[in-house]
Amino acid sequence: MDERSLYATILGLGAPWDVERVELKEAEQAVHVWVQPRVGTRFVCPECGDVSPIHRSNSSTGSADAPSCIRDR
């Protein structure tokens, strides 16, 4: 089992989530785990009910664009 699969199992993650990266910080005694939705995953806006994909816009920080119904407020 590879490291990403191991942490997905430990965290109980399943579709539509994937562990993108795992980083061990020995000096901090910490493990950093980056989780992303699979490409093409669509989510329902909790406020308006619209179904929208999440667009990955900044892979260096792991941040993603919010659906337009939230972003345009």
N, C-alpha and C. Protein backbone atom coordinates (compact mmCIF):
# COMPACT_ATOMS: atom_id res chain seq x y z
N MET A 1 0.86 -1.17 0.00
CA MET A 1 0.00 0.00 0.00
C MET A 1 0.91 1.24 0.00
N ASP A 2 0.63 2.17 -0.91
CA ASP A 2 1.45 3.38 -0.96
C ASP A 2 1.00 4.35 0.13
N GLU A 3 1.82 5.38 0.36
CA GLU A 3 1.58 6.34 1.43
C GLU A 3 0.23 7.06 1.31
N ARG A 4 -0.15 7.46 0.09
CA ARG A 4 -1.42 8.17 -0.09
C ARG A 4 -2.61 7.25 0.21
N SER A 5 -2.53 6.01 -0.23
CA SER A 5 -3.60 5.05 0.05
C SER A 5 -3.69 4.75 1.54
N LEU A 6 -2.54 4.67 2.20
CA LEU A 6 -2.50 4.42 3.64
C LEU A 6 -3.23 5.54 4.39
N TYR A 7 -2.93 6.80 4.06
CA TYR A 7 -3.57 7.91 4.76
C TYR A 7 -5.04 8.05 4.39
N ALA A 8 -5.41 7.71 3.18
CA ALA A 8 -6.84 7.71 2.82
C ALA A 8 -7.58 6.70 3.68
N THR A 9 -6.98 5.54 3.92
CA THR A 9 -7.58 4.51 4.76
C THR A 9 -7.65 4.98 6.22
N ILE A 10 -6.56 5.53 6.72
CA ILE A 10 -6.52 6.02 8.11
C ILE A 10 -7.61 7.07 8.34
N LEU A 11 -7.77 7.97 7.37
CA LEU A 11 -8.75 9.06 7.50
C LEU A 11 -10.17 8.65 7.12
N GLY A 12 -10.31 7.45 6.58
CA GLY A 12 -11.64 6.97 6.19
C GLY A 12 -12.19 7.68 4.96
N LEU A 13 -11.29 8.10 4.08
CA LEU A 13 -11.72 8.83 2.88
C LEU A 13 -12.13 7.88 1.77
N GLY A 14 -13.14 8.28 1.05
CA GLY A 14 -13.58 7.55 -0.13
C GLY A 14 -14.03 8.55 -1.17
N ALA A 15 -14.60 8.06 -2.24
CA ALA A 15 -15.06 8.92 -3.32
C ALA A 15 -16.00 9.98 -2.76
N PRO A 16 -15.87 11.21 -3.18
CA PRO A 16 -15.06 11.69 -4.30
C PRO A 16 -13.70 12.22 -3.88
N TRP A 17 -13.22 11.90 -2.66
CA TRP A 17 -11.99 12.49 -2.16
C TRP A 17 -10.77 11.61 -2.44
N ASP A 18 -9.65 12.28 -2.74
CA ASP A 18 -8.37 11.61 -2.92
C ASP A 18 -7.31 12.33 -2.09
N VAL A 19 -6.37 11.56 -1.54
CA VAL A 19 -5.22 12.16 -0.89
C VAL A 19 -4.26 12.54 -2.01
N GLU A 20 -3.97 13.82 -2.10
CA GLU A 20 -3.10 14.33 -3.17
C GLU A 20 -1.64 14.23 -2.78
N ARG A 21 -1.34 14.52 -1.49
CA ARG A 21 0.06 14.57 -1.06
C ARG A 21 0.12 14.34 0.44
N VAL A 22 1.21 13.74 0.89
CA VAL A 22 1.47 13.54 2.31
C VAL A 22 2.90 14.01 2.57
N GLU A 23 3.05 14.80 3.62
CA GLU A 23 4.37 15.34 3.95
C GLU A 23 4.63 15.15 5.44
N LEU A 24 5.72 14.48 5.77
CA LEU A 24 6.12 14.26 7.15
C LEU A 24 7.01 15.42 7.59
N LYS A 25 6.65 16.06 8.69
CA LYS A 25 7.43 17.15 9.27
C LYS A 25 7.99 16.65 10.60
N GLU A 26 9.16 16.03 10.54
CA GLU A 26 9.73 15.40 11.73
C GLU A 26 10.01 16.41 12.84
N ALA A 27 10.55 17.57 12.49
CA ALA A 27 10.86 18.58 13.51
C ALA A 27 9.61 19.04 14.25
N GLU A 28 8.49 19.08 13.55
CA GLU A 28 7.22 19.50 14.15
C GLU A 28 6.45 18.31 14.73
N GLN A 29 6.94 17.13 14.50
CA GLN A 29 6.24 15.90 14.87
C GLN A 29 4.82 15.93 14.32
N ALA A 30 4.74 16.19 13.00
CA ALA A 30 3.44 16.33 12.35
C ALA A 30 3.45 15.67 10.98
N VAL A 31 2.27 15.31 10.56
CA VAL A 31 2.06 14.81 9.20
C VAL A 31 1.04 15.74 8.55
N HIS A 32 1.37 16.29 7.39
CA HIS A 32 0.46 17.15 6.65
C HIS A 32 -0.12 16.34 5.50
N VAL A 33 -1.43 16.33 5.39
CA VAL A 33 -2.11 15.55 4.36
C VAL A 33 -2.98 16.50 3.54
N TRP A 34 -2.78 16.52 2.23
CA TRP A 34 -3.57 17.34 1.31
C TRP A 34 -4.64 16.46 0.68
N VAL A 35 -5.88 16.89 0.76
CA VAL A 35 -7.01 16.14 0.22
C VAL A 35 -7.72 17.00 -0.82
N GLN A 36 -8.05 16.41 -1.95
CA GLN A 36 -8.73 17.11 -3.04
C GLN A 36 -9.89 16.26 -3.55
N PRO A 37 -10.94 16.92 -4.02
CA PRO A 37 -11.99 16.15 -4.70
C PRO A 37 -11.47 15.71 -6.06
N ARG A 38 -11.96 14.59 -6.53
CA ARG A 38 -11.56 14.10 -7.85
C ARG A 38 -11.99 15.09 -8.93
N VAL A 39 -11.20 15.17 -9.98
CA VAL A 39 -11.51 16.07 -11.10
C VAL A 39 -12.89 15.72 -11.64
N GLY A 40 -13.69 16.76 -11.87
CA GLY A 40 -15.03 16.56 -12.40
C GLY A 40 -16.10 16.38 -11.35
N THR A 41 -15.69 16.31 -10.07
CA THR A 41 -16.67 16.16 -9.00
C THR A 41 -17.55 17.39 -8.94
N ARG A 42 -18.83 17.18 -8.74
CA ARG A 42 -19.78 18.28 -8.64
C ARG A 42 -20.37 18.29 -7.24
N PHE A 43 -20.56 19.48 -6.70
CA PHE A 43 -21.10 19.65 -5.36
C PHE A 43 -22.35 20.50 -5.41
N VAL A 44 -23.24 20.27 -4.47
CA VAL A 44 -24.47 21.06 -4.37
C VAL A 44 -24.21 22.22 -3.40
N CYS A 45 -24.53 23.43 -3.84
CA CYS A 45 -24.39 24.61 -3.00
C CYS A 45 -25.41 24.51 -1.86
N PRO A 46 -24.95 24.64 -0.61
CA PRO A 46 -25.88 24.52 0.52
C PRO A 46 -26.84 25.70 0.63
N GLU A 47 -26.55 26.79 -0.08
CA GLU A 47 -27.40 27.98 0.03
C GLU A 47 -28.44 28.07 -1.09
N CYS A 48 -28.02 27.78 -2.34
CA CYS A 48 -28.96 27.96 -3.45
C CYS A 48 -29.38 26.65 -4.11
N GLY A 49 -28.67 25.55 -3.83
CA GLY A 49 -29.01 24.27 -4.40
C GLY A 49 -28.45 24.01 -5.78
N ASP A 50 -27.74 25.00 -6.36
CA ASP A 50 -27.12 24.79 -7.67
C ASP A 50 -26.05 23.71 -7.59
N VAL A 51 -25.91 22.95 -8.66
CA VAL A 51 -24.86 21.93 -8.74
C VAL A 51 -23.74 22.52 -9.59
N SER A 52 -22.53 22.52 -9.02
CA SER A 52 -21.38 23.13 -9.71
C SER A 52 -20.14 22.29 -9.49
N PRO A 53 -19.25 22.30 -10.50
CA PRO A 53 -17.96 21.64 -10.29
C PRO A 53 -17.05 22.56 -9.48
N ILE A 54 -16.08 21.99 -8.83
CA ILE A 54 -15.03 22.75 -8.15
C ILE A 54 -13.87 22.83 -9.13
N HIS A 55 -13.33 24.02 -9.32
CA HIS A 55 -12.21 24.22 -10.24
C HIS A 55 -10.95 24.43 -9.43
N ARG A 56 -9.97 23.60 -9.66
CA ARG A 56 -8.69 23.77 -8.97
C ARG A 56 -7.96 24.94 -9.62
N SER A 57 -7.64 25.93 -8.80
CA SER A 57 -6.99 27.11 -9.37
C SER A 57 -5.60 27.35 -8.84
N ASN A 58 -5.24 26.76 -7.71
CA ASN A 58 -3.94 27.03 -7.14
C ASN A 58 -3.41 25.76 -6.49
N SER A 59 -2.74 24.94 -7.28
CA SER A 59 -2.29 23.65 -6.77
C SER A 59 -1.18 23.80 -5.73
N SER A 60 -0.49 24.93 -5.69
CA SER A 60 0.58 25.09 -4.69
C SER A 60 0.02 25.25 -3.29
N THR A 61 -1.18 25.82 -3.16
CA THR A 61 -1.77 25.98 -1.84
C THR A 61 -2.89 25.00 -1.59
N GLY A 62 -3.34 24.34 -2.65
CA GLY A 62 -4.43 23.39 -2.49
C GLY A 62 -5.78 24.05 -2.47
N SER A 63 -5.81 25.38 -2.70
CA SER A 63 -7.10 26.06 -2.67
C SER A 63 -7.85 25.83 -3.97
N ALA A 64 -9.15 25.95 -3.89
CA ALA A 64 -10.00 25.76 -5.06
C ALA A 64 -10.97 26.91 -5.17
N ASP A 65 -11.41 27.19 -6.40
CA ASP A 65 -12.42 28.22 -6.60
C ASP A 65 -13.75 27.73 -6.08
N ALA A 66 -14.49 28.63 -5.46
CA ALA A 66 -15.84 28.31 -5.03
C ALA A 66 -16.78 28.39 -6.22
N PRO A 67 -17.90 27.69 -6.18
CA PRO A 67 -18.89 27.84 -7.25
C PRO A 67 -19.32 29.30 -7.36
N SER A 68 -19.76 29.71 -8.54
CA SER A 68 -20.06 31.12 -8.78
C SER A 68 -21.17 31.65 -7.88
N CYS A 69 -22.11 30.80 -7.46
CA CYS A 69 -23.20 31.30 -6.60
C CYS A 69 -22.67 31.76 -5.25
N ILE A 70 -21.53 31.25 -4.82
CA ILE A 70 -20.91 31.68 -3.56
C ILE A 70 -19.88 32.78 -3.83
N ARG A 71 -19.08 32.60 -4.88
CA ARG A 71 -18.00 33.51 -5.20
C ARG A 71 -18.50 34.91 -5.53
N ASP A 72 -19.69 35.05 -6.13
CA ASP A 72 -20.17 36.34 -6.62
C ASP A 72 -20.87 37.19 -5.57
N ARG A 73 -20.84 36.79 -4.31
CA ARG A 73 -21.51 37.56 -3.26
C ARG A 73 -20.76 38.83 -2.95
